[in-house]
Amino acid sequence: MQHSSFWSLDLLLHLAIPALAGKLLLFLASSLASYSVDFI
């Protein structure tokens, strides 16, 4: 039971970290795009 809960937590981290990184990357890309549009 404890091992399976640890495994699910590990799986959750492995899924959550790329999702958070993807959201951060998308936010940076959109802000950079809006900045470059304002600059032009």
N, C-alpha and C. Protein backbone atom coordinates (compact mmCIF):
# COMPACT_ATOMS: atom_id res chain seq x y z
N MET A 1 0.84 -1.20 0.00
CA MET A 1 0.00 0.00 0.00
C MET A 1 0.87 1.25 0.00
N GLN A 2 1.83 1.29 0.93
CA GLN A 2 2.70 2.47 1.03
C GLN A 2 3.57 2.60 -0.23
N HIS A 3 4.03 1.47 -0.73
CA HIS A 3 4.87 1.50 -1.93
C HIS A 3 4.08 2.01 -3.13
N SER A 4 2.82 1.58 -3.25
CA SER A 4 2.00 2.00 -4.39
C SER A 4 1.67 3.49 -4.30
N SER A 5 1.47 4.00 -3.07
CA SER A 5 1.18 5.43 -2.91
C SER A 5 2.42 6.24 -3.27
N PHE A 6 3.59 5.74 -2.91
CA PHE A 6 4.83 6.42 -3.27
C PHE A 6 5.01 6.41 -4.79
N TRP A 7 4.65 5.28 -5.42
CA TRP A 7 4.77 5.18 -6.88
C TRP A 7 3.83 6.15 -7.57
N SER A 8 2.61 6.30 -7.04
CA SER A 8 1.67 7.23 -7.66
C SER A 8 2.14 8.67 -7.48
N LEU A 9 2.75 8.96 -6.34
CA LEU A 9 3.29 10.30 -6.10
C LEU A 9 4.44 10.58 -7.06
N ASP A 10 5.29 9.58 -7.27
CA ASP A 10 6.41 9.72 -8.19
C ASP A 10 5.91 9.93 -9.62
N LEU A 11 4.88 9.18 -9.99
CA LEU A 11 4.28 9.32 -11.32
C LEU A 11 3.64 10.70 -11.46
N LEU A 12 2.98 11.17 -10.40
CA LEU A 12 2.36 12.49 -10.42
C LEU A 12 3.41 13.58 -10.61
N LEU A 13 4.54 13.45 -9.94
CA LEU A 13 5.62 14.42 -10.11
C LEU A 13 6.17 14.38 -11.53
N HIS A 14 6.34 13.17 -12.06
CA HIS A 14 6.85 13.04 -13.42
C HIS A 14 5.89 13.63 -14.45
N LEU A 15 4.60 13.64 -14.13
CA LEU A 15 3.62 14.25 -15.04
C LEU A 15 3.47 15.74 -14.79
N ALA A 16 3.57 16.15 -13.52
CA ALA A 16 3.33 17.56 -13.17
C ALA A 16 4.49 18.45 -13.58
N ILE A 17 5.72 17.97 -13.43
CA ILE A 17 6.88 18.82 -13.74
C ILE A 17 6.94 19.22 -15.22
N PRO A 18 6.80 18.29 -16.18
CA PRO A 18 6.77 18.71 -17.59
C PRO A 18 5.56 19.60 -17.91
N ALA A 19 4.43 19.35 -17.25
CA ALA A 19 3.24 20.18 -17.50
C ALA A 19 3.48 21.62 -17.03
N LEU A 20 4.09 21.76 -15.84
CA LEU A 20 4.40 23.09 -15.33
C LEU A 20 5.46 23.77 -16.19
N ALA A 21 6.46 23.01 -16.62
CA ALA A 21 7.50 23.57 -17.49
C ALA A 21 6.90 24.00 -18.82
N GLY A 22 5.97 23.21 -19.35
CA GLY A 22 5.31 23.56 -20.60
C GLY A 22 4.48 24.82 -20.48
N LYS A 23 3.76 24.96 -19.34
CA LYS A 23 2.97 26.17 -19.13
C LYS A 23 3.87 27.39 -18.99
N LEU A 24 4.99 27.24 -18.29
CA LEU A 24 5.93 28.34 -18.12
C LEU A 24 6.54 28.73 -19.45
N LEU A 25 6.90 27.72 -20.26
CA LEU A 25 7.48 27.98 -21.57
C LEU A 25 6.47 28.67 -22.48
N LEU A 26 5.21 28.22 -22.43
CA LEU A 26 4.15 28.83 -23.23
C LEU A 26 3.92 30.28 -22.80
N PHE A 27 3.96 30.54 -21.49
CA PHE A 27 3.79 31.89 -20.97
C PHE A 27 4.93 32.80 -21.42
N LEU A 28 6.17 32.28 -21.35
CA LEU A 28 7.33 33.06 -21.79
C LEU A 28 7.26 33.34 -23.29
N ALA A 29 6.86 32.34 -24.06
CA ALA A 29 6.77 32.51 -25.51
C ALA A 29 5.69 33.53 -25.88
N SER A 30 4.54 33.48 -25.21
CA SER A 30 3.46 34.42 -25.52
C SER A 30 3.83 35.84 -25.10
N SER A 31 4.50 35.99 -23.95
CA SER A 31 4.90 37.32 -23.50
C SER A 31 6.00 37.88 -24.41
N LEU A 32 6.89 37.01 -24.85
CA LEU A 32 7.95 37.44 -25.76
C LEU A 32 7.35 37.84 -27.11
N ALA A 33 6.36 37.08 -27.57
CA ALA A 33 5.69 37.40 -28.84
C ALA A 33 4.96 38.74 -28.75
N SER A 34 4.26 38.98 -27.65
CA SER A 34 3.55 40.25 -27.49
C SER A 34 4.54 41.41 -27.37
N TYR A 35 5.68 41.17 -26.73
CA TYR A 35 6.70 42.21 -26.60
C TYR A 35 7.30 42.54 -27.96
N SER A 36 7.57 41.50 -28.76
CA SER A 36 8.15 41.74 -30.09
C SER A 36 7.14 42.44 -31.00
N VAL A 37 5.85 42.13 -30.85
CA VAL A 37 4.81 42.80 -31.63
C VAL A 37 4.73 44.27 -31.23
N ASP A 38 4.82 44.55 -29.93
CA ASP A 38 4.82 45.94 -29.46
C ASP A 38 6.07 46.67 -29.93
N PHE A 39 7.18 45.95 -29.99
CA PHE A 39 8.44 46.56 -30.40
C PHE A 39 8.41 46.93 -31.88
N ILE A 40 7.82 46.06 -32.69
CA ILE A 40 7.69 46.34 -34.12
C ILE A 40 6.56 47.34 -34.32
